[in-house]
């Protein structure tokens, strides 16, 4: 209905307001003339004397629309928004205002106009409020107005300027339009109006399409819509229409966009209500009924994705709504579904559906009620059937092609790894161990083509054995699993490339399976035997060079060490074989080169190996590439551990505070705290969390004496290690004394004397250790002084030798170059011979006259100065 038809002839005679007249403005900040006209319109609508003059109102509003038929100016939006609010209040009782609102919505489809570039900033808030005002019109129960609002929002982003646009005006940019919508309440208001359109499916579908446009255009719009409960609202209104395909498609697209936005968690949380789950169930059933009509199967899979995301919440009502029971039917016996429209085909979309259903089992397994439902629906039987080799599956018209079977087989094995730990009884009743070992044997026949199947099968076996159920592990052992797994890992190690992450994972998992099987049973350790020991030694020789490569070598190293502890330690047969293959040396090499995170388990293994009498000489005889001994390495680890713990030590590693010989930083910080009676204190806790206790026990087993190759720093540290247990006992008693003081408890005289005696013992023990450390350091200092004296004496002798050699050479040159000097030297020699008395037996003494001496030894006496140095020399003829 045209707005002009609502204006009567008598109203046309009422003098109108000149909306086009321009006034002269002296001040730049004064409101423009057209705004003044809008103020008069507002006064006309609000004035109690003219508020009921509907005809005059419509006449003025008609002129207002005629003037702005090309679009609204940004500077006028604030006043126009007030006019719209007044008309929206009046339209409920006076429907004649409805055409005006419809036409103003038609004009709002055009971009807003601006006269200056700065108008974007000046009137931004007015434009935002104007869009929110238009959104509030959706609350008016008028189909024409609601439809115009939806069309206006759809056109607001894409519409171009009107052909009658004035040349001196510009339109706002599309980016600025999106900016205005994002910051307005328009998205929220549209979401809130979905419920009011329950009986208007055409407008409701248009509104859903508009919401899809809004959420796909901006993440801020998604956030605004989610604040209004968009996910829950859309999910609840996706069913019950005459054209369910369009509604379901549009609704699912909106939910998909909301899930991909930054508000994914809020979307899932809104979908987790019972109403939404029931609505999804109805939608899923509707889609399955439409698939026979060629409906897009992607929509069905999208609904399954929504269901999967809901299942991630452990409190989701999928069980209560019976939706889970319905879905399990398509997993267990899909070929028995009677409705032809619901039968699954060999298409890619149906394959995706099956994989989504299998993935849904993993998420549902966290719910105890779902496990009971799995048992009722025979889920374990179906999973093991899917995991069987393709050629062993029963022939059926519904069987997938070979490639699809392999994909389903992989997915089924992945699901079994999660399901089996919560359905172990069902797994054993279906002879799951036998089926997995047969599958593993089938994979070995063509390992290159079935590597992924082998990887998933080993994962399932690891999940089974990690539970520690003796009956299950015994069943695997009885079927020869240990020997079979050893053969597989040896073959994998022979063909493995350093960059093959899949093979490395399989070898690591096999070692963990063997550890779980052999840990508590001596007979299984014997079955592990020499073949297993050779395997472990081979992996230990690889060392830790690739520990941080990121390909799983770190897990392989840790599983190898765990395999030593679980499969070798405790059985004399395997221990002797391990020691005979230099296993202790490999462990010490690993202790020297590996990261700190594996030191604890290596020390534990060495400590357990010390129960074997053949271990001690091997440990003491070990040397690394730099010549370090095992005790030296252990003492170096002690110093590094204390530095990490923040223990106070001097530059030489000695004790600084006699009252705190072992105190760590954590103990010092918690010294003012009082612990409950059933919780260990800080002194006890720190023994469980660091390596000092294990190093002490290991050195204690080695004897604390006659350690070869120790430096002075090692001897200083060794004095602390020897007294570690004494220090720790006194430390615990001091904690007891401090806690009694913190709790205000005063011990009786005898207890107080005992505590004082313990403190005194600690002080005396620390003093003795400190004196021993000082003596060791003093001996080292004296040795350094003697070494320095010897070096200086050797240097002096060497200098004297050089001067004497130079003098002899100069004399020789002089004799050979000057004949007079030679004659003079010869005359002096004859004179010397004549003056020397002859011996009784005339012997021609032809010994040379000059010698060069060498230092053989240096001894010191009690005399001060150089006289206290006795030097032994040897002479060498020049």
Foldseek 3Di string as FASTA:
>chain_A
DDLVVVADPVLVPPDADPQPDFDDDDDPPDDGSNLVSLVVLVCQCPPPVNVPVVNNNSVRLVVVCVVQVQAAALSNLQSVLVVLVSLLVVCLVPVSSVNSLLSVLVRLLEFHKYQDPCSLVVRLVSLLSSLQSLLVSLVRPDVSSLLSSLVSLVSNLPPYTDPPDDPSIDGDDSVSSLVSPLPHLNLLSLLVSLVVCLPPVVSNLSSLVSNLVNLVVDLSSLVSNLVNVNLLSLLLRQDDDPPNLSSLVSSLSNLVSSCVHPNVVSNLVSCQDPSSLLSLLVSLVVVLQCVVVVRDLVSNLSSLVSVLSNLLPLPRCCVVSCVLVVLLVCQQCLVPDDDPSNRAAQDPSSLSSNLSSLSSLLSNLVHPVVLVSCVVSVVVVSLLLLLAQPVPRDDDPRDYPNVSSVVSNLSSLQSLLRNCVVVVVSCVVVVVLVRLVVQLVVCVVPVVVCVSSNLSSLSNLLSNLVVLDLVVLVVCVVVPVLVVLLVVLVVLVVPDDPQPLSSLSSNLSSLSSLLSSQQPDQVSLVVCPPSVLVVLVVLLVVACPCCPVPSNNVSSVLSSLSSCNRNQQPHPRSLVSCVVVVVVLSLLVNCQPPDPVCNQSSLVSLLSSLVPVVSLVSQLPHADPVGDGNLQSLLVLVVVQQVVQQQDADPLRAADDLQCRPDGPVCVVCLLPADDPPDDHPLVVVCVVTCLVSSLSSVVSSPLPPRPDDDLSSVLSSLCSPCVVLLSVLVVLVSVVSNCVSVVHDDDPVVVVVNVVSSVVSSVSSVVSNVVSVVSVVVVVVVVVVVVVVVVVQVVLVVVLVVVVVVVVVLVVCVVVDVVSVVVVVVVVVVVVVPDDADPDHDPDPADDDWRKHWDDWDAAPDDDPVRIDTDIDTDGD
